Protein backbone atom coordinates (compact mmCIF):
# COMPACT_ATOMS: atom_id res chain seq x y z
CA MET A 1 -21.90 34.11 60.86
CA ILE A 2 -22.52 35.01 64.14
CA SER A 3 -23.82 38.44 64.48
CA PHE A 4 -23.98 40.11 67.67
CA GLY A 5 -23.82 43.36 69.36
CA GLY A 6 -22.01 42.96 73.44
CA LEU A 7 -25.97 42.97 74.78
CA ALA A 8 -25.16 40.77 77.52
CA SER A 9 -21.66 42.34 78.27
CA GLY A 10 -22.08 45.85 77.19
CA LEU A 11 -18.86 45.93 75.04
CA ASP A 12 -18.53 47.12 71.19
CA THR A 13 -17.99 43.51 70.46
CA SER A 14 -17.67 44.28 66.81
CA ALA A 15 -15.63 47.59 66.88
CA ILE A 16 -13.10 45.25 69.39
CA ILE A 17 -12.66 42.24 66.29
CA ASN A 18 -12.50 45.14 63.54
CA ALA A 19 -9.77 46.24 65.42
CA LEU A 20 -7.75 43.46 66.73
CA LEU A 21 -8.60 42.66 62.65
CA GLY A 22 -7.16 45.78 61.40
CA VAL A 23 -3.59 44.82 63.72
CA GLU A 24 -3.17 42.02 61.95
CA ARG A 25 -4.31 43.07 58.53
CA LEU A 26 -1.27 45.55 58.61
CA PRO A 27 1.82 43.09 57.24
CA LEU A 28 -0.82 42.15 54.52
CA LEU A 29 -1.57 45.43 53.60
CA HIS A 30 2.56 46.05 53.61
CA LEU A 31 2.59 42.72 51.22
CA GLU A 32 0.20 44.16 49.17
CA LYS A 33 1.73 47.51 48.58
CA GLN A 34 5.23 45.50 47.84
CA LYS A 35 3.49 43.71 45.15
CA GLU A 36 1.77 47.13 43.67
CA THR A 37 5.17 48.00 43.85
CA GLU A 38 6.68 45.27 41.89
CA ASN A 39 4.02 45.30 39.42
CA ASP A 40 4.82 49.20 38.66
CA LYS A 41 8.22 48.09 38.16
CA LEU A 42 7.39 46.16 35.62
CA ASP A 43 5.52 48.60 33.48
CA LEU A 44 8.46 51.50 33.68
CA ILE A 45 10.78 48.60 32.79
CA SER A 46 8.61 48.27 30.13
CA THR A 47 8.21 51.42 29.22
CA LEU A 48 11.94 51.61 29.23
CA LYS A 49 11.99 49.25 26.56
CA ASP A 50 9.56 50.82 24.56
CA HIS A 51 11.94 53.93 24.60
CA LEU A 52 14.68 51.25 23.86
CA LYS A 53 13.13 49.84 20.85
CA GLY A 54 11.99 53.72 18.93
CA LEU A 55 15.46 54.26 19.43
CA GLN A 56 16.69 51.09 18.04
CA THR A 57 14.35 51.64 15.04
CA LEU A 58 15.87 55.15 14.42
CA ALA A 59 19.27 53.91 14.43
CA ASP A 60 18.47 50.55 12.40
CA ASP A 61 17.19 53.69 9.60
CA LEU A 62 21.09 55.33 9.68
CA LYS A 63 23.15 52.21 10.09
CA THR A 64 23.50 51.86 6.40
CA VAL A 65 24.55 54.69 3.71
CA GLY A 66 21.43 54.10 1.73
CA ASN A 67 19.38 55.01 4.60
CA PHE A 68 20.94 57.57 5.93
CA LEU A 69 21.64 59.86 3.25
CA ASP A 70 18.06 61.10 1.46
CA PHE A 71 18.17 63.07 -2.11
CA SER A 72 16.23 65.50 -4.02
CA ILE A 73 15.65 65.93 -7.69
CA SER A 74 14.30 68.81 -9.76
CA ALA A 75 13.91 68.72 -13.25
CA SER A 76 14.37 71.93 -16.14
CA VAL A 77 11.07 70.35 -17.33
CA GLU A 78 7.83 69.41 -15.82
CA ASN A 79 6.07 66.37 -16.72
CA VAL A 80 8.44 64.56 -19.04
CA ALA A 81 10.08 61.89 -16.24
CA ALA A 82 8.97 61.44 -12.63
CA PHE A 83 12.15 60.67 -10.50
CA THR A 84 12.84 58.94 -7.15
CA ALA A 85 16.30 59.12 -5.61
CA THR A 86 17.40 56.56 -3.42
CA GLY A 87 20.55 56.84 -0.86
CA GLU A 88 22.83 55.23 -3.29
CA ALA A 89 22.06 58.51 -5.61
CA GLN A 90 24.94 60.84 -5.85
CA THR A 91 24.68 64.53 -6.64
CA GLY A 92 25.61 65.62 -9.97
CA ALA A 93 23.66 66.79 -13.33
CA HIS A 94 21.95 64.45 -16.29
CA THR A 95 20.36 64.98 -19.34
CA LEU A 96 17.58 63.06 -20.67
CA GLU A 97 15.90 63.18 -23.77
CA VAL A 98 12.81 60.30 -24.15
CA LEU A 99 12.51 59.19 -27.57
CA SER A 100 9.16 57.14 -27.45
CA LEU A 101 6.98 55.37 -24.17
CA ALA A 102 6.20 52.20 -24.22
CA GLN A 103 2.51 51.09 -25.50
CA ALA A 104 0.98 47.43 -24.54
CA ASP A 105 -0.35 45.43 -28.33
CA ARG A 106 -3.79 45.59 -28.42
CA TRP A 107 -5.73 43.91 -31.20
CA ALA A 108 -9.62 44.62 -31.88
CA PHE A 109 -11.75 42.26 -33.80
CA ASP A 110 -14.02 43.22 -36.64
CA GLY A 111 -17.75 45.35 -35.04
CA VAL A 112 -20.80 43.31 -34.06
CA ALA A 113 -23.66 44.89 -34.12
CA ASP A 114 -25.12 42.99 -31.02
CA PRO A 115 -22.78 42.38 -27.70
CA SER A 116 -25.40 39.92 -26.87
CA LEU A 117 -25.84 37.74 -29.80
CA ASP A 118 -24.22 34.67 -29.90
CA LEU A 119 -21.83 34.39 -32.92
CA ALA A 120 -20.34 30.92 -33.03
CA GLY A 121 -22.35 28.66 -35.68
CA ALA A 122 -21.20 25.27 -33.58
CA ASP A 123 -20.00 24.36 -30.37
CA GLY A 124 -16.16 24.20 -30.51
CA GLU A 125 -15.38 27.42 -32.37
CA GLN A 126 -12.85 29.28 -31.07
CA ILE A 127 -10.30 32.20 -30.21
CA ASP A 128 -6.81 31.64 -30.93
CA PHE A 129 -3.64 33.66 -29.84
CA THR A 130 -0.30 33.82 -27.97
CA VAL A 131 1.59 35.82 -25.54
CA ASN A 132 4.22 35.59 -23.22
CA GLY A 133 5.33 32.58 -24.29
CA THR A 134 1.99 30.88 -24.02
CA SER A 135 -0.61 29.61 -26.59
CA TYR A 136 -4.02 30.24 -25.70
CA SER A 137 -7.05 28.30 -27.01
CA VAL A 138 -10.66 29.56 -25.81
CA ALA A 139 -13.08 27.11 -27.16
CA LEU A 140 -16.92 28.23 -27.07
CA LEU A 141 -20.17 26.52 -27.00
CA GLN A 142 -22.67 27.95 -29.35
CA ALA A 143 -24.79 28.68 -27.13
CA GLY A 144 -22.13 30.83 -25.14
CA SER A 145 -20.52 33.08 -28.02
CA SER A 146 -21.95 36.12 -27.41
CA LEU A 147 -19.07 38.79 -27.93
CA ASN A 148 -19.78 39.61 -24.17
CA GLU A 149 -19.99 35.91 -22.66
CA ILE A 150 -16.56 35.90 -25.00
CA ALA A 151 -14.47 38.28 -23.73
CA GLY A 152 -15.55 36.86 -20.18
CA ALA A 153 -14.28 33.04 -21.23
CA ILE A 154 -10.76 34.75 -22.65
CA ASN A 155 -9.89 36.64 -18.78
CA ASP A 156 -10.97 33.63 -17.22
CA LEU A 157 -8.31 31.41 -19.46
CA ALA A 158 -5.74 34.42 -19.89
CA GLY A 159 -6.76 37.01 -17.63
CA ASP A 160 -2.92 37.22 -16.16
CA ASP A 161 -1.55 37.58 -19.50
CA VAL A 162 -3.90 39.92 -21.28
CA THR A 163 -7.36 41.90 -20.98
CA ALA A 164 -10.68 41.15 -23.14
CA SER A 165 -13.21 44.34 -23.23
CA VAL A 166 -16.32 44.72 -24.92
CA VAL A 167 -15.95 48.37 -26.56
CA ASN A 168 -18.94 50.23 -29.01
CA VAL A 169 -17.03 52.38 -31.71
CA GLY A 170 -20.38 53.05 -32.72
CA THR A 171 -23.12 55.59 -32.38
CA ALA A 172 -26.24 54.50 -30.12
CA SER A 173 -28.19 54.57 -33.26
CA ASN A 174 -25.51 52.85 -35.27
CA PRO A 175 -23.49 50.76 -32.82
CA SER A 176 -20.36 48.69 -33.65
CA TYR A 177 -19.01 46.81 -30.92
CA GLN A 178 -15.80 45.62 -31.09
CA LEU A 179 -13.48 42.77 -29.00
CA VAL A 180 -10.52 44.24 -27.79
CA LEU A 181 -7.67 42.08 -26.92
CA GLY A 182 -4.97 43.97 -24.85
CA ALA A 183 -1.45 42.11 -23.04
CA ASP A 184 -0.89 42.81 -19.49
CA GLU A 185 2.57 43.93 -20.04
CA THR A 186 3.86 46.82 -22.67
CA GLY A 187 7.04 46.23 -24.83
CA GLU A 188 7.62 44.14 -27.73
CA ASP A 189 8.87 40.79 -25.88
CA TYR A 190 4.46 40.99 -24.58
CA ARG A 191 3.14 41.29 -27.98
CA ILE A 192 0.48 39.33 -28.64
CA THR A 193 0.84 36.51 -31.63
CA GLY A 194 -1.36 34.13 -34.00
CA VAL A 195 -4.54 36.05 -33.62
CA SER A 196 -6.94 34.07 -35.16
CA SER A 197 -10.58 33.36 -34.71
CA THR A 198 -12.76 30.46 -36.26
CA VAL A 199 -15.94 31.44 -34.87
CA ALA A 200 -18.43 32.11 -37.73
CA GLY A 201 -19.79 35.85 -36.83
CA LEU A 202 -15.86 37.21 -35.37
CA ALA A 203 -13.24 37.76 -38.31
CA ILE A 204 -10.02 39.06 -37.53
CA ASP A 205 -6.91 40.07 -39.41
CA GLY A 206 -3.67 38.59 -37.57
CA THR A 207 -1.12 39.54 -39.68
CA VAL A 208 1.65 40.69 -37.11
CA PRO A 209 3.32 43.35 -37.85
CA ASP A 210 7.31 44.08 -39.23
CA GLY A 211 10.37 44.16 -38.50
CA SER A 212 10.27 48.16 -37.53
CA GLY A 213 7.21 47.76 -35.54
CA ASN A 214 4.64 49.07 -38.41
CA ALA A 215 1.30 47.49 -37.99
CA LEU A 216 0.07 45.71 -40.62
CA SER A 217 -3.46 44.43 -40.05
CA SER A 218 -6.40 47.27 -39.38
CA ASN A 219 -7.16 45.12 -36.73
CA ASN A 220 -3.45 45.38 -34.71
CA ILE A 221 -5.23 48.67 -33.57
CA THR A 222 -1.34 49.48 -30.84
CA VAL A 223 1.67 47.64 -31.61
CA GLY A 224 3.69 46.26 -28.38
CA SER A 225 6.64 48.88 -28.22
CA ASN A 226 9.47 49.51 -26.09
CA ALA A 227 10.18 52.96 -24.52
CA LEU A 228 13.26 54.70 -25.55
CA ALA A 229 15.39 57.33 -23.91
CA VAL A 230 18.64 59.13 -24.40
CA ILE A 231 20.08 59.57 -20.86
CA ASP A 232 23.65 61.32 -20.63
CA GLY A 233 23.97 60.81 -24.32
CA LEU A 234 23.26 56.73 -24.10
CA GLN A 235 20.39 55.21 -25.74
CA VAL A 236 18.53 52.91 -23.21
CA GLU A 237 15.24 50.91 -24.34
CA ARG A 238 13.19 49.12 -21.89
CA SER A 239 9.98 47.00 -21.94
CA GLY A 240 8.34 49.44 -20.12
CA ASN A 241 8.35 52.93 -18.88
CA GLU A 242 10.70 52.50 -16.00
CA PHE A 243 14.57 53.13 -16.11
CA ASN A 244 15.02 52.49 -12.85
CA GLY A 245 19.16 52.28 -12.39
CA VAL A 246 20.14 53.54 -15.45
CA VAL A 247 21.37 56.53 -12.69
CA ALA A 248 22.75 55.07 -9.92
CA GLY A 249 20.24 55.36 -6.76
CA VAL A 250 17.89 56.88 -9.51
CA ASP A 251 14.04 55.24 -10.38
CA LEU A 252 13.00 57.28 -13.32
CA THR A 253 9.84 56.97 -15.17
CA VAL A 254 9.20 58.29 -18.49
CA LEU A 255 5.64 60.24 -18.47
CA SER A 256 5.90 61.66 -22.25
CA ALA A 257 8.00 61.92 -25.59
CA ASN A 258 10.20 65.20 -25.94
CA VAL A 259 12.22 63.71 -28.94
CA GLY A 260 14.52 66.51 -30.28
CA THR A 261 14.30 68.25 -26.90
CA GLU A 262 16.38 67.30 -24.44
CA ILE A 263 16.07 68.49 -20.93
CA THR A 264 18.49 68.24 -17.92
CA PHE A 265 17.38 66.67 -14.01
CA SER A 266 20.07 67.52 -10.92
CA ILE A 267 20.36 65.28 -8.23
CA GLU A 268 21.58 67.49 -4.79
CA ALA A 269 21.63 66.03 -1.15
CA ASP A 270 18.46 66.35 0.74
CA LYS A 271 20.24 68.15 3.80
CA ASP A 272 16.80 69.15 5.39
CA SER A 273 15.20 65.45 5.42
CA ILE A 274 18.87 64.40 7.10
CA LYS A 275 18.66 66.76 9.71
CA GLU A 276 15.30 66.06 10.10
CA LYS A 277 16.48 62.32 10.71
CA MET A 278 19.28 63.63 13.21
CA GLN A 279 16.64 65.27 15.30
CA GLU A 280 14.64 62.24 15.52
CA PHE A 281 17.12 60.14 16.16
CA VAL A 282 18.80 62.66 19.70
CA ASP A 283 15.06 62.69 20.69
CA ALA A 284 14.93 59.13 20.91
CA TYR A 285 17.92 59.40 22.60
CA ASN A 286 17.33 61.53 25.01
CA ASN A 287 13.79 60.09 26.03
CA VAL A 288 15.71 56.76 27.21
CA ILE A 289 18.02 59.57 29.31
CA GLU A 290 15.03 61.60 30.37
CA PHE A 291 13.01 58.79 31.55
CA ALA A 292 16.24 57.15 33.45
CA ASN A 293 17.06 60.42 34.93
CA LYS A 294 13.55 61.17 35.76
CA GLN A 295 13.35 57.19 37.94
CA ASN A 296 16.54 58.65 39.70
CA THR A 297 15.70 61.74 40.72
CA TYR A 298 15.14 62.59 44.67
CA SER A 299 14.44 65.57 46.85
CA GLU A 300 12.77 65.51 50.90
CA GLU A 301 9.60 66.47 49.53
CA ASP A 302 8.19 64.27 47.09
CA GLY A 303 11.17 61.17 47.99
CA ALA A 304 12.47 58.92 45.26
CA GLY A 305 11.07 60.09 41.50
CA GLY A 306 10.15 56.59 40.85
CA GLU A 307 9.10 52.98 41.20
CA LEU A 308 13.02 52.59 39.98
CA PHE A 309 15.16 54.23 41.53
CA GLY A 310 18.42 53.37 42.03
CA ASP A 311 17.85 50.36 40.22
CA SER A 312 20.83 48.81 38.72
CA ILE A 313 18.62 48.68 35.19
CA LEU A 314 19.05 52.43 34.77
CA ARG A 315 22.94 52.83 34.85
CA SER A 316 23.24 49.67 32.55
CA VAL A 317 21.11 51.15 29.68
CA ARG A 318 22.73 54.45 29.90
CA SER A 319 26.18 52.41 30.13
CA SER A 320 25.33 50.32 27.42
CA ILE A 321 24.01 52.93 24.95
CA GLY A 322 26.66 55.42 25.50
CA ALA A 323 29.62 53.06 24.98
CA ALA A 324 27.84 52.70 21.74
CA LEU A 325 28.15 56.29 20.88
CA PHE A 326 30.83 57.64 23.07
CA ASN A 327 33.82 54.90 22.77
CA VAL A 328 35.51 55.69 19.82
CA ASP A 329 39.15 54.50 19.14
CA ILE A 330 41.91 56.41 20.29
CA ALA A 331 43.22 55.76 16.49
CA THR A 332 39.97 56.47 14.50
CA VAL A 333 40.27 60.22 16.18
CA THR A 334 43.89 60.47 16.11
CA ASN A 335 43.66 60.01 12.07
CA ASP A 336 40.79 62.10 11.55
CA THR A 337 42.31 64.93 9.74
CA GLU A 338 38.35 66.46 8.87
CA GLY A 339 36.52 65.92 12.50
CA TYR A 340 34.19 63.46 11.49
CA SER A 341 35.68 60.81 14.00
CA THR A 342 32.90 62.12 17.00
CA LEU A 343 29.40 63.13 17.43
CA SER A 344 30.79 66.23 19.66
CA LEU A 345 32.98 66.74 16.85
CA VAL A 346 30.16 66.86 14.00
CA GLY A 347 27.95 69.03 16.75
CA ILE A 348 25.73 66.76 18.64
CA LYS A 349 26.82 67.31 21.93
CA THR A 350 26.65 66.03 25.25
CA ALA A 351 24.46 68.02 28.36
CA SER A 352 25.93 67.29 32.24
CA ASP A 353 22.17 65.37 32.02
CA GLY A 354 23.93 63.02 29.44
CA THR A 355 21.00 64.62 26.82
CA LEU A 356 22.12 65.07 23.51
CA SER A 357 21.58 68.07 21.30
CA ILE A 358 22.43 69.10 18.13
CA ASP A 359 24.57 72.52 17.49
CA ASP A 360 22.99 74.30 14.42
CA THR A 361 25.67 75.71 12.89
CA VAL A 362 28.17 72.96 13.23
CA PHE A 363 26.46 70.31 12.08
CA ASP A 364 25.16 72.38 9.14
CA ALA A 365 28.83 73.21 8.02
CA LYS A 366 29.89 69.43 8.50
CA LEU A 367 26.84 68.20 6.09
CA SER A 368 27.67 70.54 3.62
CA ALA A 369 31.60 70.07 3.52
CA ASN A 370 31.28 65.83 3.41
CA LEU A 371 28.13 64.63 3.83
CA ASP A 372 30.07 60.81 2.79
CA ALA A 373 32.59 61.02 6.06
CA LEU A 374 29.18 62.29 8.13
CA ALA A 375 27.14 59.18 6.50
CA ASP A 376 30.30 57.23 7.42
CA LEU A 377 30.32 57.94 11.05
CA PHE A 378 26.91 56.46 11.62
CA ALA A 379 26.63 53.80 8.72
CA ASP A 380 28.36 50.58 8.62
CA SER A 381 29.79 51.18 4.89
CA ASP A 382 31.55 47.82 4.26
CA GLY A 383 28.46 45.69 6.10
CA PHE A 384 28.65 43.20 9.03
CA ASP A 385 30.51 40.82 9.57
CA ASN A 386 30.36 38.34 13.04
CA ALA A 387 33.18 36.30 11.47
CA GLY A 388 30.52 32.78 11.68
CA ALA A 389 29.47 33.43 15.79
CA VAL A 390 27.26 31.54 17.36
CA ALA A 391 23.44 33.52 17.12
CA GLY A 392 22.87 34.32 20.82
CA THR A 393 27.01 34.49 22.28
CA ALA A 394 28.77 37.24 22.89
CA GLU A 395 30.77 37.63 19.88
CA PHE A 396 27.51 36.96 17.77
CA TYR A 397 26.98 41.13 18.18
CA VAL A 398 31.02 42.37 17.40
CA ASP A 399 31.87 42.86 13.32
CA THR A 400 35.14 42.23 12.80
CA THR A 401 34.99 44.55 9.59
CA ALA A 402 36.92 47.71 9.42
CA ASP A 403 34.38 49.99 9.86
CA SER A 404 31.33 49.81 12.19
CA GLY A 405 29.43 53.07 12.45
CA LEU A 406 27.78 54.52 15.94
CA ALA A 407 24.30 53.57 14.78
CA ASP A 408 24.96 50.47 13.56
CA LYS A 409 26.82 49.35 16.92
CA LEU A 410 24.14 50.99 19.42
CA SER A 411 21.06 49.01 17.53
CA ARG A 412 23.62 45.85 18.07
CA ALA A 413 24.26 47.32 21.97
CA ILE A 414 20.26 47.69 21.99
CA ASP A 415 19.77 43.92 20.98
CA MET A 416 22.60 42.37 23.46
CA MET A 417 20.04 43.97 26.20
CA PHE A 418 17.43 41.19 25.19
CA GLY A 419 16.78 37.69 24.95
CA SER A 420 19.77 35.32 25.97
CA ILE A 421 23.60 35.35 25.90
CA SER A 422 25.24 32.04 25.75
CA GLY A 423 28.83 31.48 27.83
CA PRO A 424 30.99 28.86 28.53
CA SER A 425 28.99 27.80 31.70
CA GLY A 426 25.24 27.80 29.71
CA SER A 427 22.76 30.49 28.90
CA VAL A 428 22.34 33.29 30.59
CA LYS A 429 19.25 36.12 30.05
CA ALA A 430 19.87 39.15 29.20
CA LEU A 431 19.58 42.17 31.36
CA PHE A 432 15.66 42.89 30.68
CA ASP A 433 14.41 39.20 30.41
CA ALA A 434 16.62 38.59 33.72
CA ARG A 435 15.38 41.46 35.45
CA GLU A 436 11.33 41.09 34.20
CA GLU A 437 11.77 37.08 35.49
CA ALA A 438 13.37 38.64 38.82
CA ILE A 439 10.57 41.03 39.21
CA ASP A 440 7.64 37.84 38.12
CA SER A 441 9.28 35.71 40.82
CA ARG A 442 8.94 38.31 43.67
CA ILE A 443 5.27 39.30 42.43
CA LYS A 444 4.45 35.16 42.21
CA SER A 445 6.03 35.09 46.20
CA LEU A 446 4.23 38.13 47.13
CA SER A 447 1.18 36.83 45.62
CA ASN A 448 1.61 33.79 47.48
CA SER A 449 2.20 35.29 51.20
CA ILE A 450 -0.71 37.50 50.45
CA GLU A 451 -2.70 34.07 49.74
CA GLN A 452 -1.51 32.42 53.07
CA LYS A 453 -2.17 35.83 55.24
CA GLU A 454 -5.55 36.36 54.33
CA ARG A 455 -6.95 32.50 54.80
CA TYR A 456 -4.67 32.86 58.43
CA LEU A 457 -7.19 36.37 58.95
CA GLU A 458 -10.28 34.57 57.79
CA ILE A 459 -9.54 31.54 60.57
CA PHE A 460 -8.08 34.34 63.08
CA GLU A 461 -11.78 36.26 62.33
CA GLN A 462 -14.10 33.02 63.32
CA ASN A 463 -11.63 32.49 66.61
CA LEU A 464 -12.69 36.17 67.33
CA ILE A 465 -16.13 35.74 66.82
CA THR A 466 -16.72 32.17 68.94
CA ARG A 467 -14.58 33.50 71.96
CA PHE A 468 -16.83 36.83 71.65
CA ALA A 469 -19.62 34.43 71.37
CA ALA A 470 -18.76 32.42 74.07
CA LEU A 471 -18.15 35.91 76.38
CA GLU A 472 -21.62 37.02 76.02
CA ASP A 473 -23.39 33.15 76.40
CA LEU A 474 -21.17 33.26 79.67
CA MET A 475 -21.81 37.18 80.59
CA GLY A 476 -25.38 36.06 79.52
CA GLY A 477 -25.53 33.27 82.41
CA LEU A 478 -24.14 35.17 85.06
CA ASN A 479 -26.53 38.40 84.31
CA ALA A 480 -28.82 36.07 84.56
CA GLN A 481 -27.99 34.36 87.96
CA GLY A 482 -27.77 38.02 88.97
CA GLU A 483 -31.22 38.41 88.17
CA ALA A 484 -32.43 35.46 89.90
CA LEU A 485 -29.99 36.40 93.29
CA ASN A 486 -31.35 39.75 93.54
CA SER A 487 -34.75 38.73 93.15
CA ALA A 488 -34.66 36.14 95.88
CA LEU A 489 -33.33 38.41 97.87
CA ALA A 490 -36.10 40.84 97.32
CA SER A 491 -38.55 38.29 98.60
CA LEU A 492 -36.85 37.61 102.06
CA ASN A 493 -36.93 41.55 102.55
CA LYS A 494 -40.73 41.28 101.76
CA SER A 495 -41.20 38.84 104.34
């Protein structure tokens, strides 16, 4: 690069070039600012998407009755059973008497003094048993037939159905190690049968229990048995300790027997939990509205509230989610004699800025008066059916059934803002994809313009440097000629 400082001309050529470049760079700075603005718009649209997806997640939690409703269960006596309620539960009281817990079948072979001593007299001796409909034969090598090795071989072969372990039932000075074989599942159906041993140093009596479940072999240390309980006067039997679904919407696990002592457990709506869900939903909705409001604010001092000021995507989003929640069929409202057909009727109010709030007094009263009606306002009780509409079409998102809860409608309205929608004239991008595609195209165009402008400035700068260098050469030559002329004139004057 040519470097000079105006020595011949007396001009600050570097400053002149920089000033000229500065003027030519103004359009480039404008392009870069436009690109920065478009990138900011992409970031803001991404934030708006996150707000909408968060709202949709909460709407999905409310769009089925089972997820909308929460219940709590209290028992008159603790530690008899553990209870978990689902949204399908019904309020009410029930009785429980636990007659017996389920047990896993377990067998213990006769004890040996040393668990590391090989017990087989020859290769091929084996342990046999059947469990869960599968027969196992564990063949042993004589050199690998210690109690510990036999337990390992059983676990390797039949570990999906049984667990073998070695237990010292004696003392440190007088040990007695027993190989214990236990079923992995409780209940009569998972009893271990046909237990036998041809291993010379390992004996067992494999006689199965009698018809009443009484052990007939001292080696059968626990007989696999089912759990028995009397629930609401009905005796129920399970292979495990879980009695799920006996009471609708209740998962019940018995923990201890209480023969002869009946306890009660009561199911009540967990109103605090339901209201907490509703508050989270309102907050998520307000996140979307407040974001749009902030972007669309304007003041003389600060200007526009955000880069999306006036952008149609904000109006479209507010219109779509608002229509899903507030465009209620007039016939539904007319036929509503209890006041559960709109958000405002159940205490969810709309402020002048479009945000929602919960009127605790009204909402709590509606929650207590008719919980099912409140759930039906948000949940789609009869399921979604679009009559087989093709995916991607507008009809795909339309529920043709009689009931469609507000949360379900909102979730589908948000779905329609993403991806593409097919129509008679072909597929078109949905709201967000179309807007992002347009911005990406704008950013690409600006990037190309910026690159062109930068190349132009490089050439322009080189031209300026070349021209001013030529000027300096010319001025240097003229200066030299002037000095020579002055010198000649001075010599003439002296003579």
